[in-house]
Amino acid sequence: MLAGKKILVTGATGTIARPIAEHLVHDNEVWCAGRFSDPNAKRQLEAQGVRTCFWDMGTGDFSAVPYDFTHVLHSALQIGPSLEEHDRAITFNAEGAALLMQHCCRAEAFVHVSTFCVYKTHSDHPRHLYSETDALGVDMTFSASYPVSKIAAEGAVRAASRLLDLPTTIARMNIGYSWTGGTGGLPVSYYKRMAAGDTIPLPIGHDDLCSPIGAQDIAVQSHALFEVASTPATIVNWAGNDAVSTREMCEYIAGVAGLEPKFAPSEIRFDKRASDNARRNELIGKCSVHWKDGIPETLERRLGIAIK
């Protein structure tokens, strides 16, 4: 477990990196770099002992960012208002990641948070469990620039790891959820939509599977992600233990929260993927919190709702 280290976390106001920063700061000097468009989030981090500094991914200006970090976890992401701004998204997310690695080239380890959206849809989707050796592709329709820039970022990070001899892990995040930071993740969004009486869209003709992972496991497993960093970069899925359909997740949330779920088949814009966790189990271990325990706790802590 990391202790006495100087750690940089980017994207620390978000659902994935916020619980990591809050966890690591207990035994380490933790810095968070970003634009901090939400001043309240910045104040909350600082109140917990996290140090903050300004950094814009697209400018290449690191004048306010120290360089002597022992460990870096890069989770920041930026895409434009247009879903087709590929060039801009690559500048921010791919070039930005490589420039950050250059700035922090003396670090002992670098973790780059990627996404399951880099995987090409398998012919046996959604039953297929996606592994690190599966083909990559740009199939996600909810934002064309998102998978384009994330695949480009993985390439930039892999090259920078070799050029700088910087041990690196690329962790492909599935569906994360948290009681702190960002929006809270997809389960929180589903709860809010059902509480408002909205209909949850389901894909036509098949289930929509994902492997949700909660804040407690995200925070604890960050230590192992640093430990397995290597050159060339280690690539590993970052996901929960179980494959869960949207219907199953929403029905469970509705049951513990006293709601009535409504579903409708539709041309959904975000086809999720379930994870093959063999490599994850080998490198960073299994998750300790089942989603049926983690999601209710998240709703209680984040929204203050009473769970049955």
Protein backbone atom coordinates (compact mmCIF):
# COMPACT_ATOMS: atom_id res chain seq x y z
CA MET A 1 0.00 0.00 0.00
CA LEU A 2 1.31 3.45 -0.89
CA ALA A 3 2.44 5.58 2.05
CA GLY A 4 4.68 8.61 2.31
CA LYS A 5 4.49 9.25 -1.44
CA LYS A 6 3.82 12.41 -3.44
CA ILE A 7 0.93 11.56 -5.75
CA LEU A 8 -0.73 13.52 -8.55
CA VAL A 9 -4.35 12.71 -9.42
CA THR A 10 -6.02 14.33 -12.42
CA GLY A 11 -9.78 14.36 -12.92
CA ALA A 12 -10.13 14.26 -9.14
CA THR A 13 -13.50 16.02 -9.15
CA GLY A 14 -14.96 13.07 -11.08
CA THR A 15 -16.68 9.85 -10.07
CA ILE A 16 -13.60 7.63 -10.56
CA ALA A 17 -10.68 9.71 -9.32
CA ARG A 18 -12.37 11.52 -6.43
CA PRO A 19 -12.60 8.46 -4.14
CA ILE A 20 -9.00 7.59 -5.04
CA ALA A 21 -7.72 11.02 -4.01
CA GLU A 22 -9.76 10.96 -0.80
CA HIS A 23 -8.38 7.50 0.02
CA LEU A 24 -4.72 8.15 -0.80
CA VAL A 25 -4.50 11.44 1.10
CA HIS A 26 -4.68 9.63 4.46
CA ASP A 27 -1.11 8.32 4.07
CA ASN A 28 0.36 10.40 1.25
CA GLU A 29 0.82 13.93 -0.05
CA VAL A 30 -1.84 14.12 -2.74
CA TRP A 31 -2.16 16.81 -5.39
CA CYS A 32 -5.01 17.27 -7.84
CA ALA A 33 -4.47 19.13 -11.09
CA GLY A 34 -7.30 20.50 -13.20
CA ARG A 35 -9.31 23.53 -14.30
CA PHE A 36 -11.70 23.25 -11.32
CA SER A 37 -14.70 24.76 -13.08
CA ASP A 38 -16.63 23.92 -9.90
CA PRO A 39 -15.00 25.95 -7.09
CA ASN A 40 -16.96 24.01 -4.48
CA ALA A 41 -15.36 20.72 -5.55
CA LYS A 42 -11.94 22.34 -5.23
CA ARG A 43 -12.75 23.57 -1.74
CA GLN A 44 -14.01 20.13 -0.72
CA LEU A 45 -10.79 18.47 -1.83
CA GLU A 46 -8.65 21.05 -0.05
CA ALA A 47 -10.70 20.62 3.13
CA GLN A 48 -9.65 16.96 3.14
CA GLY A 49 -5.98 17.82 2.86
CA VAL A 50 -5.62 17.47 -0.90
CA ARG A 51 -3.49 20.15 -2.56
CA THR A 52 -4.71 21.62 -5.82
CA CYS A 53 -3.06 23.26 -8.82
CA PHE A 54 -4.31 24.59 -12.14
CA TRP A 55 -3.76 22.58 -15.32
CA ASP A 56 -5.51 22.74 -18.68
CA MET A 57 -4.99 19.55 -20.68
CA GLY A 58 -5.06 21.30 -24.01
CA THR A 59 -2.41 23.98 -23.48
CA GLY A 60 0.69 22.04 -22.51
CA ASP A 61 1.32 24.62 -19.77
CA PHE A 62 2.59 22.92 -16.61
CA SER A 63 3.88 26.06 -14.93
CA ALA A 64 1.61 25.55 -11.90
CA VAL A 65 2.15 21.77 -11.67
CA PRO A 66 5.06 20.35 -9.65
CA TYR A 67 7.19 17.77 -11.45
CA ASP A 68 8.56 15.70 -8.56
CA PHE A 69 5.66 13.30 -8.07
CA THR A 70 6.45 9.70 -7.21
CA HIS A 71 3.14 8.44 -8.64
CA VAL A 72 0.61 9.83 -11.13
CA LEU A 73 -2.97 8.68 -11.77
CA HIS A 74 -4.42 10.34 -14.86
CA SER A 75 -8.22 10.23 -15.07
CA ALA A 76 -8.99 13.65 -16.56
CA LEU A 77 -11.02 13.73 -19.76
CA GLN A 78 -12.25 16.46 -22.03
CA ILE A 79 -14.38 16.32 -25.16
CA GLY A 80 -16.00 19.21 -26.96
CA PRO A 81 -19.67 20.15 -27.17
CA SER A 82 -19.76 18.62 -30.64
CA LEU A 83 -19.64 14.82 -30.74
CA GLU A 84 -17.53 14.94 -33.90
CA GLU A 85 -14.64 17.13 -32.69
CA HIS A 86 -12.09 14.34 -33.10
CA ASP A 87 -9.07 16.59 -33.55
CA ARG A 88 -9.81 18.65 -30.47
CA ALA A 89 -10.52 15.54 -28.39
CA ILE A 90 -7.22 13.96 -29.46
CA THR A 91 -5.31 17.15 -28.64
CA PHE A 92 -6.69 17.23 -25.12
CA ASN A 93 -6.83 13.54 -24.27
CA ALA A 94 -4.02 11.90 -26.24
CA GLU A 95 -1.45 14.69 -26.49
CA GLY A 96 -2.36 15.88 -23.00
CA ALA A 97 -1.66 12.46 -21.50
CA ALA A 98 1.73 12.14 -23.19
CA LEU A 99 2.76 15.67 -22.20
CA LEU A 100 1.77 14.92 -18.61
CA MET A 101 3.98 11.83 -18.67
CA GLN A 102 6.87 13.90 -20.00
CA HIS A 103 6.38 16.46 -17.24
CA CYS A 104 6.28 13.72 -14.57
CA CYS A 105 8.88 11.47 -16.19
CA ARG A 106 10.72 10.95 -12.88
CA ALA A 107 7.72 9.18 -11.34
CA GLU A 108 7.97 5.61 -10.14
CA ALA A 109 4.68 4.67 -11.80
CA PHE A 110 1.96 6.19 -13.99
CA VAL A 111 -1.66 4.96 -14.18
CA HIS A 112 -3.78 6.02 -17.15
CA VAL A 113 -7.53 5.47 -16.77
CA SER A 114 -9.03 4.36 -20.07
CA THR A 115 -12.43 2.82 -20.85
CA PHE A 116 -14.27 -0.24 -22.16
CA CYS A 117 -15.49 2.00 -24.97
CA VAL A 118 -12.25 1.23 -26.81
CA TYR A 119 -13.44 -2.33 -27.54
CA LYS A 120 -14.94 -3.19 -30.89
CA THR A 121 -18.36 -4.81 -30.57
CA HIS A 122 -17.89 -8.58 -30.60
CA SER A 123 -19.98 -10.83 -32.85
CA ASP A 124 -21.36 -12.54 -29.72
CA HIS A 125 -22.22 -9.25 -27.99
CA PRO A 126 -23.67 -8.82 -25.38
CA ARG A 127 -22.92 -12.30 -24.04
CA HIS A 128 -19.23 -11.94 -24.81
CA LEU A 129 -16.96 -11.05 -21.89
CA TYR A 130 -14.46 -8.51 -23.21
CA SER A 131 -10.79 -9.18 -22.48
CA GLU A 132 -7.66 -7.08 -22.91
CA THR A 133 -6.74 -8.95 -26.11
CA ASP A 134 -10.03 -8.24 -27.87
CA ALA A 135 -10.08 -6.03 -30.94
CA LEU A 136 -10.36 -2.28 -30.53
CA GLY A 137 -12.82 -0.18 -32.48
CA VAL A 138 -14.97 2.93 -32.61
CA ASP A 139 -18.48 1.56 -32.20
CA MET A 140 -19.93 3.76 -29.47
CA THR A 141 -22.55 6.12 -30.88
CA PHE A 142 -23.26 8.27 -27.82
CA SER A 143 -20.11 10.28 -28.57
CA ALA A 144 -17.99 9.47 -31.59
CA SER A 145 -15.06 11.54 -30.32
CA TYR A 146 -14.91 9.71 -26.99
CA PRO A 147 -13.67 6.29 -28.19
CA VAL A 148 -11.55 7.91 -30.91
CA SER A 149 -9.68 10.03 -28.39
CA LYS A 150 -9.43 7.23 -25.81
CA ILE A 151 -7.85 4.82 -28.31
CA ALA A 152 -5.50 7.60 -29.43
CA ALA A 153 -4.66 8.31 -25.80
CA GLU A 154 -3.79 4.67 -25.16
CA GLY A 155 -1.41 4.76 -28.12
CA ALA A 156 0.21 7.98 -26.90
CA VAL A 157 0.59 6.61 -23.38
CA ARG A 158 2.09 3.34 -24.60
CA ALA A 159 4.64 5.19 -26.71
CA ALA A 160 5.50 7.66 -23.94
CA SER A 161 6.00 4.82 -21.47
CA ARG A 162 8.66 3.31 -23.72
CA LEU A 163 10.28 6.60 -24.73
CA LEU A 164 10.52 7.83 -21.14
CA ASP A 165 11.10 4.41 -19.55
CA LEU A 166 8.18 5.26 -17.26
CA PRO A 167 6.41 2.20 -15.76
CA THR A 168 2.76 2.51 -16.76
CA THR A 169 -0.59 0.82 -16.31
CA ILE A 170 -3.51 1.43 -18.66
CA ALA A 171 -6.66 0.56 -16.70
CA ARG A 172 -9.80 0.18 -18.81
CA MET A 173 -12.67 1.28 -16.59
CA ASN A 174 -16.05 -0.40 -16.95
CA ILE A 175 -18.98 1.22 -15.11
CA GLY A 176 -17.81 2.97 -11.95
CA TYR A 177 -20.04 4.42 -9.25
CA SER A 178 -19.26 6.44 -6.15
CA TRP A 179 -20.76 8.34 -3.24
CA THR A 180 -18.38 11.22 -3.99
CA GLY A 181 -17.32 13.18 -7.07
CA GLY A 182 -18.87 13.72 -10.48
CA THR A 183 -22.40 12.48 -11.07
CA GLY A 184 -22.01 9.33 -9.00
CA GLY A 185 -22.08 7.05 -12.02
CA LEU A 186 -24.74 5.14 -13.92
CA PRO A 187 -26.54 3.55 -10.92
CA VAL A 188 -27.09 6.98 -9.39
CA SER A 189 -28.37 8.26 -12.73
CA TYR A 190 -30.76 5.31 -13.00
CA TYR A 191 -32.10 5.99 -9.50
CA LYS A 192 -32.73 9.66 -10.27
CA ARG A 193 -34.51 8.84 -13.52
CA MET A 194 -36.75 6.26 -11.88
CA ALA A 195 -37.47 8.58 -8.95
CA ALA A 196 -38.57 11.21 -11.47
CA GLY A 197 -40.90 8.71 -13.13
CA ASP A 198 -38.84 8.47 -16.31
CA THR A 199 -38.67 5.37 -18.49
CA ILE A 200 -35.37 3.47 -18.65
CA PRO A 201 -34.42 2.57 -22.24
CA LEU A 202 -33.36 -1.01 -22.98
CA PRO A 203 -31.72 -2.29 -26.16
CA ILE A 204 -34.00 -3.99 -28.64
CA GLY A 205 -33.72 -7.76 -28.69
CA HIS A 206 -31.04 -8.36 -26.08
CA ASP A 207 -29.78 -7.52 -22.61
CA ASP A 208 -27.32 -4.71 -21.99
CA LEU A 209 -24.57 -6.04 -19.70
CA CYS A 210 -21.91 -4.24 -17.69
CA SER A 211 -19.57 -5.04 -14.78
CA PRO A 212 -20.08 -2.25 -12.22
CA ILE A 213 -17.36 -1.42 -9.69
CA GLY A 214 -17.84 0.80 -6.64
CA ALA A 215 -15.77 3.50 -4.99
CA GLN A 216 -14.33 1.33 -2.22
CA ASP A 217 -12.81 -1.16 -4.65
CA ILE A 218 -11.76 1.61 -7.04
CA ALA A 219 -9.84 3.35 -4.25
CA VAL A 220 -8.18 0.24 -2.82
CA GLN A 221 -7.26 -1.24 -6.20
CA SER A 222 -5.46 1.95 -7.22
CA HIS A 223 -2.51 0.76 -5.11
CA ALA A 224 -2.22 -2.46 -7.11
CA LEU A 225 -2.50 -0.59 -10.41
CA PHE A 226 0.63 1.34 -9.49
CA GLU A 227 2.38 -1.85 -8.37
CA VAL A 228 1.86 -3.67 -11.68
CA ALA A 229 3.01 -0.73 -13.83
CA SER A 230 5.64 -1.72 -16.38
CA THR A 231 7.40 -0.75 -19.58
CA PRO A 232 5.92 -1.55 -22.07
CA ALA A 233 2.68 -0.56 -20.38
CA THR A 234 0.53 -3.07 -18.51
CA ILE A 235 -3.03 -3.16 -19.85
CA VAL A 236 -5.82 -4.43 -17.61
CA ASN A 237 -9.61 -4.29 -17.37
CA TRP A 238 -10.88 -2.39 -14.33
CA ALA A 239 -14.32 -3.75 -13.54
CA GLY A 240 -16.56 -5.37 -10.97
CA ASN A 241 -16.84 -9.12 -10.45
CA ASP A 242 -20.31 -9.61 -11.93
CA ALA A 243 -22.00 -9.07 -15.28
CA VAL A 244 -25.26 -7.19 -14.66
CA SER A 245 -27.99 -6.17 -17.09
CA THR A 246 -29.58 -2.74 -17.06
CA ARG A 247 -32.95 -4.30 -16.23
CA GLU A 248 -31.53 -6.30 -13.31
CA MET A 249 -29.70 -3.29 -11.90
CA CYS A 250 -32.69 -0.98 -12.17
CA GLU A 251 -35.12 -3.52 -10.71
CA TYR A 252 -32.80 -4.02 -7.75
CA ILE A 253 -32.36 -0.28 -7.19
CA ALA A 254 -36.11 0.22 -7.43
CA GLY A 255 -36.71 -2.57 -4.94
CA VAL A 256 -34.39 -1.22 -2.25
CA ALA A 257 -35.48 2.39 -2.82
CA GLY A 258 -39.22 1.81 -3.01
CA LEU A 259 -39.65 2.78 -6.66
CA GLU A 260 -41.53 1.35 -9.63
CA PRO A 261 -39.25 0.92 -12.64
CA LYS A 262 -40.53 1.52 -16.16
CA PHE A 263 -38.71 0.16 -19.20
CA ALA A 264 -39.06 0.62 -22.94
CA PRO A 265 -37.15 -1.00 -25.84
CA SER A 266 -35.28 1.68 -27.75
CA GLU A 267 -32.30 2.41 -29.97
CA ILE A 268 -30.04 3.18 -27.02
CA ARG A 269 -26.87 5.16 -27.64
CA PHE A 270 -24.61 3.49 -25.09
CA ASP A 271 -24.22 -0.27 -25.46
CA LYS A 272 -22.32 -1.40 -22.38
CA ARG A 273 -19.86 -4.31 -22.16
CA ALA A 274 -19.24 -7.02 -19.56
CA SER A 275 -15.69 -7.80 -18.45
CA ASP A 276 -13.54 -10.90 -18.64
CA ASN A 277 -11.75 -10.50 -15.31
CA ALA A 278 -9.11 -13.23 -15.58
CA ARG A 279 -6.24 -10.79 -16.03
CA ARG A 280 -7.66 -8.38 -13.47
CA ASN A 281 -7.86 -11.18 -10.91
CA GLU A 282 -4.25 -12.10 -11.60
CA LEU A 283 -2.83 -8.59 -11.43
CA ILE A 284 -4.91 -6.59 -8.96
CA GLY A 285 -7.30 -9.10 -7.39
CA LYS A 286 -11.05 -9.45 -7.10
CA CYS A 287 -13.45 -6.81 -5.83
CA SER A 288 -14.50 -7.03 -2.19
CA VAL A 289 -17.89 -5.27 -2.42
CA HIS A 290 -20.80 -6.85 -4.30
CA TRP A 291 -22.78 -4.42 -6.42
CA LYS A 292 -25.95 -5.28 -4.47
CA ASP A 293 -24.22 -3.93 -1.37
CA GLY A 294 -22.21 -1.12 -2.97
CA ILE A 295 -25.01 0.57 -4.90
CA PRO A 296 -27.43 0.94 -1.94
CA GLU A 297 -24.60 2.29 0.22
CA THR A 298 -23.75 4.76 -2.53
CA LEU A 299 -27.35 5.97 -2.74
CA GLU A 300 -27.55 6.36 1.03
CA ARG A 301 -24.28 8.26 1.37
CA ARG A 302 -24.64 10.38 -1.75
CA LEU A 303 -28.35 11.20 -1.75
CA GLY A 304 -29.37 10.53 1.84
CA ILE A 305 -32.24 8.28 0.81
CA ALA A 306 -33.63 5.54 3.04
CA ILE A 307 -32.84 2.05 1.77
CA LYS A 308 -35.12 -0.88 2.54
